[in-house]
Every structure is written in structure tokens, then in C-alpha cells.
Amino acid sequence: MSIIVSEIPPEGLSIDCTRDGSWFESRAPQETARRYRVDEILFHCRADRSGRRVSIRGSVEIHCSTACTRCLELFSLSLRGDFFYAMTPVQAGYEQDSDTELAEGDLEAGIYRDDLIELEPIILEQVLLQFPISAVCSENCKGLCPVCGQNLNKGDCGHSTEETKNSPFTVLKNFKIAKKGS
């Protein structure tokens, strides 16, 4: 899906589309596609043109499921986010340099080539930005027992915190980091 810049009417162009899980799986990084099972992506944007500059403002909504990072149970998740891009045509002689440092405003800027703005990369980028780093089924999730691995949301396994003292990580409990200048 793409926008032909010269065909954006003076009143702007509104675009609504949906994508499914197979679209996401074929484009997302493999690890992310395994972690999140996407059922549906709802994408809406409005493109407005001023000369050769195009502003794209919109929203993305994702319906998916993933495993809780605490208890490992599968749960459904609905995510939503808004976005904005300021697109300009690529300048003659422009070469993308991976070592270029970006300023804060550069994160909302983009370029297009040949009077064409491809929306598929924008959709994918916005979907990936909505995924949480650590997805939990609920804020009250108790996680897994460190001794036997039972899901503590389903009941107490009877193990006490005393039994976890044999863990090699117990020494980190009293670990103190000195502050600079102290």
C-alpha cells in the first residue's frame, strides 16, 4: 500500500486498512513474530500535503496474544498508539549513513522517493513500537515458584522463601553499589 504524493487532494487523504497475523509474521523480526501472535492490526492515517512536504498523522491498534513474562501463561492483549511523520522528498545525492546521529525531531521525519510513500514499513514500525518490553497478564501476577516452577496464580505450592536461599543469586540480595562521590 502506498500514497502517490501528487494525487493527495487539497482536503487531504484518509486511509484505513487492516492486516492479519500472516502479514505480520512475514515482515516482523523472527523473534518478535514468535513472541507475539497477532490476530488483527487496524491502521488509520490521514495524509496532508503542502507543496512536496507531506504530514502523516494516524493511529494503529493491535489485537494479539503473548506469554506473560512472569507466569508464562498465554493472554490476550490490545495495544493502541498514535503517530506522526513529516515526509519530504529525498534530495539529490542523498546517501543514508548508518553512523549519522539523529536529533529528537528526526525520529518523526522521513523521506520518500519518486512521488511515492510506502505505508507498509510505517505500519510495521508502528506495530513494533507498541509492543511492551515486558508483557504481564496482570499487575498482580505472582509469577512462578522459584523452587518447583508452579504458577502461583493458580495456588500456593507450599514452598517457602527459605527454600530459595540455596539459589546462587541469594548473594546479590545484600549487594550494594557505591554512589559516585561517596
Protein backbone atom coordinates (compact mmCIF):
# COMPACT_ATOMS: atom_id res chain seq x y z
CA MET A 1 0.00 0.00 0.00
CA SER A 2 1.35 3.39 -0.91
CA ILE A 3 0.46 7.05 -1.26
CA ILE A 4 1.13 8.89 -4.52
CA VAL A 5 2.10 12.33 -3.25
CA SER A 6 0.95 14.29 -6.32
CA GLU A 7 -2.52 12.69 -6.03
CA ILE A 8 -3.18 13.80 -2.43
CA PRO A 9 -6.21 16.12 -2.73
CA PRO A 10 -6.20 19.60 -1.10
CA GLU A 11 -8.54 18.35 1.65
CA GLY A 12 -6.12 15.51 2.48
CA LEU A 13 -6.28 11.76 2.08
CA SER A 14 -7.70 9.37 4.68
CA ILE A 15 -6.59 5.73 4.67
CA ASP A 16 -7.98 2.83 6.71
CA CYS A 17 -6.70 -0.70 6.39
CA THR A 18 -6.41 -3.94 8.31
CA ARG A 19 -3.65 -6.51 8.36
CA ASP A 20 -3.67 -10.03 9.77
CA GLY A 21 -1.21 -12.28 11.55
CA SER A 22 0.29 -13.73 8.37
CA TRP A 23 1.16 -10.20 7.15
CA PHE A 24 2.89 -9.52 10.48
CA GLU A 25 4.75 -12.86 10.54
CA SER A 26 6.13 -12.32 7.04
CA ARG A 27 7.56 -8.88 7.87
CA ALA A 28 8.43 -8.77 11.58
CA PRO A 29 11.76 -9.88 13.05
CA GLN A 30 11.55 -13.64 13.63
CA GLU A 31 11.92 -13.43 17.42
CA THR A 32 9.12 -10.84 17.70
CA ALA A 33 6.81 -12.84 15.42
CA ARG A 34 7.34 -15.89 17.67
CA ARG A 35 6.71 -13.90 20.85
CA TYR A 36 3.51 -12.13 19.74
CA ARG A 37 0.69 -13.91 17.90
CA VAL A 38 -1.03 -11.07 16.06
CA ASP A 39 -4.69 -11.57 15.20
CA GLU A 40 -5.50 -8.19 13.68
CA ILE A 41 -3.93 -4.81 13.00
CA LEU A 42 -6.16 -1.78 12.41
CA PHE A 43 -4.35 1.12 10.77
CA HIS A 44 -5.72 4.60 10.13
CA CYS A 45 -3.90 7.63 8.83
CA ARG A 46 -4.50 10.98 7.22
CA ALA A 47 -2.03 12.45 4.77
CA ASP A 48 -1.92 16.19 4.12
CA ARG A 49 0.31 17.83 1.52
CA SER A 50 1.88 21.27 1.49
CA GLY A 51 3.95 21.55 -1.68
CA ARG A 52 6.19 18.49 -1.70
CA ARG A 53 6.04 18.03 2.09
CA VAL A 54 3.58 15.50 3.45
CA SER A 55 2.40 15.11 7.03
CA ILE A 56 1.01 11.74 8.02
CA ARG A 57 -0.89 11.52 11.28
CA GLY A 58 -2.64 8.37 12.43
CA SER A 59 -3.17 5.52 14.82
CA VAL A 60 -2.57 1.80 14.97
CA GLU A 61 -4.44 -0.78 17.03
CA ILE A 62 -3.17 -4.32 17.54
CA HIS A 63 -5.07 -7.34 18.84
CA CYS A 64 -2.67 -10.12 19.78
CA SER A 65 -1.71 -12.70 22.38
CA THR A 66 1.58 -13.41 24.11
CA ALA A 67 3.01 -15.26 27.10
CA CYS A 68 3.19 -13.41 30.41
CA THR A 69 6.81 -12.75 31.36
CA ARG A 70 6.06 -13.65 35.00
CA CYS A 71 3.85 -16.78 34.86
CA LEU A 72 4.30 -17.82 31.19
CA GLU A 73 0.52 -18.15 30.65
CA LEU A 74 -0.85 -17.06 27.27
CA PHE A 75 -3.11 -13.98 27.44
CA SER A 76 -4.81 -11.56 25.04
CA LEU A 77 -3.52 -8.07 24.63
CA SER A 78 -4.92 -5.00 22.85
CA LEU A 79 -2.50 -2.17 22.12
CA ARG A 80 -3.06 1.27 20.61
CA GLY A 81 -0.80 4.14 19.67
CA ASP A 82 -0.78 7.39 17.73
CA PHE A 83 1.95 8.57 15.37
CA PHE A 84 3.09 11.48 13.22
CA TYR A 85 5.55 11.68 10.33
CA ALA A 86 6.78 14.70 8.39
CA MET A 87 7.83 13.36 4.98
CA THR A 88 9.99 15.20 2.45
CA PRO A 89 11.34 14.08 -0.93
CA VAL A 90 14.83 12.64 -0.98
CA GLN A 91 17.47 15.18 -2.03
CA ALA A 92 19.75 14.52 -5.00
CA GLY A 93 22.98 12.89 -3.88
CA TYR A 94 21.48 11.72 -0.57
CA GLU A 95 23.00 8.56 0.85
CA GLN A 96 21.78 7.02 4.08
CA ASP A 97 24.63 6.77 6.58
CA SER A 98 24.18 4.35 9.48
CA ASP A 99 26.65 6.38 11.58
CA THR A 100 24.60 9.59 11.41
CA GLU A 101 23.47 10.78 14.82
CA LEU A 102 19.77 11.59 14.97
CA ALA A 103 18.26 14.58 16.75
CA GLU A 104 14.95 14.29 18.60
CA GLY A 105 12.93 15.77 15.70
CA ASP A 106 14.49 13.32 13.22
CA LEU A 107 12.50 10.46 14.72
CA GLU A 108 9.30 11.89 13.26
CA ALA A 109 10.86 12.76 9.90
CA GLY A 110 11.01 10.59 6.84
CA ILE A 111 11.86 10.74 3.19
CA TYR A 112 10.12 9.46 0.10
CA ARG A 113 11.30 8.75 -3.43
CA ASP A 114 9.67 9.11 -6.81
CA ASP A 115 6.43 10.76 -5.60
CA LEU A 116 5.63 7.60 -3.60
CA ILE A 117 5.30 6.98 0.15
CA GLU A 118 5.24 3.30 1.08
CA LEU A 119 2.91 2.68 4.03
CA GLU A 120 3.81 -0.96 4.76
CA PRO A 121 7.11 -0.06 6.54
CA ILE A 122 5.29 2.64 8.53
CA ILE A 123 2.60 0.17 9.62
CA LEU A 124 5.19 -2.41 10.68
CA GLU A 125 7.29 0.18 12.54
CA GLN A 126 4.26 1.45 14.46
CA VAL A 127 3.15 -2.08 15.39
CA LEU A 128 6.63 -2.96 16.69
CA LEU A 129 6.77 0.24 18.73
CA GLN A 130 3.55 -0.67 20.56
CA PHE A 131 4.78 -4.00 21.96
CA PRO A 132 5.78 -3.77 25.63
CA ILE A 133 9.24 -4.88 26.66
CA SER A 134 7.76 -6.96 29.46
CA ALA A 135 4.17 -8.12 28.91
CA VAL A 136 2.34 -9.25 32.05
CA CYS A 137 -1.12 -10.80 32.25
CA SER A 138 -2.00 -8.56 35.21
CA GLU A 139 -0.20 -6.20 37.57
CA ASN A 140 -1.00 -8.66 40.38
CA CYS A 141 0.58 -11.66 38.63
CA LYS A 142 2.52 -13.71 41.21
CA GLY A 143 4.69 -15.49 38.64
CA LEU A 144 6.28 -18.91 39.08
CA CYS A 145 7.61 -20.57 42.22
CA PRO A 146 11.42 -20.37 42.05
CA VAL A 147 11.68 -23.85 43.61
CA CYS A 148 9.18 -26.00 41.68
CA GLY A 149 8.01 -23.73 38.86
CA GLN A 150 4.30 -23.86 39.69
CA ASN A 151 2.17 -20.93 38.56
CA LEU A 152 1.47 -19.14 41.86
CA ASN A 153 -1.66 -17.53 40.41
CA LYS A 154 -3.27 -20.99 40.39
CA GLY A 155 -2.45 -21.72 44.02
CA ASP A 156 0.25 -21.93 46.64
CA CYS A 157 2.71 -24.78 46.17
CA GLY A 158 3.81 -24.78 49.80
CA HIS A 159 7.41 -23.76 49.22
CA SER A 160 8.71 -21.02 51.46
CA THR A 161 11.10 -18.22 50.69
CA GLU A 162 13.60 -20.04 52.94
CA GLU A 163 13.99 -22.70 50.25
CA THR A 164 15.12 -20.09 47.74
CA LYS A 165 18.15 -19.25 49.91
CA ASN A 166 20.05 -22.03 48.14
CA SER A 167 19.88 -20.04 44.94
CA PRO A 168 23.20 -18.78 43.57
CA PHE A 169 21.56 -15.35 43.26
CA THR A 170 20.98 -15.04 47.01
CA VAL A 171 24.36 -13.31 47.40
CA LEU A 172 23.05 -10.43 45.27
CA LYS A 173 20.37 -9.65 47.88
CA ASN A 174 22.87 -7.76 50.06
CA PHE A 175 24.93 -6.36 47.18
CA LYS A 176 25.35 -2.58 47.49
CA ILE A 177 26.53 -0.26 44.75
CA ALA A 178 28.58 2.69 45.93
CA LYS A 179 27.42 6.06 44.65
CA LYS A 180 29.94 8.25 42.85
CA GLY A 181 31.49 10.81 45.14
CA SER A 182 30.76 8.79 48.30
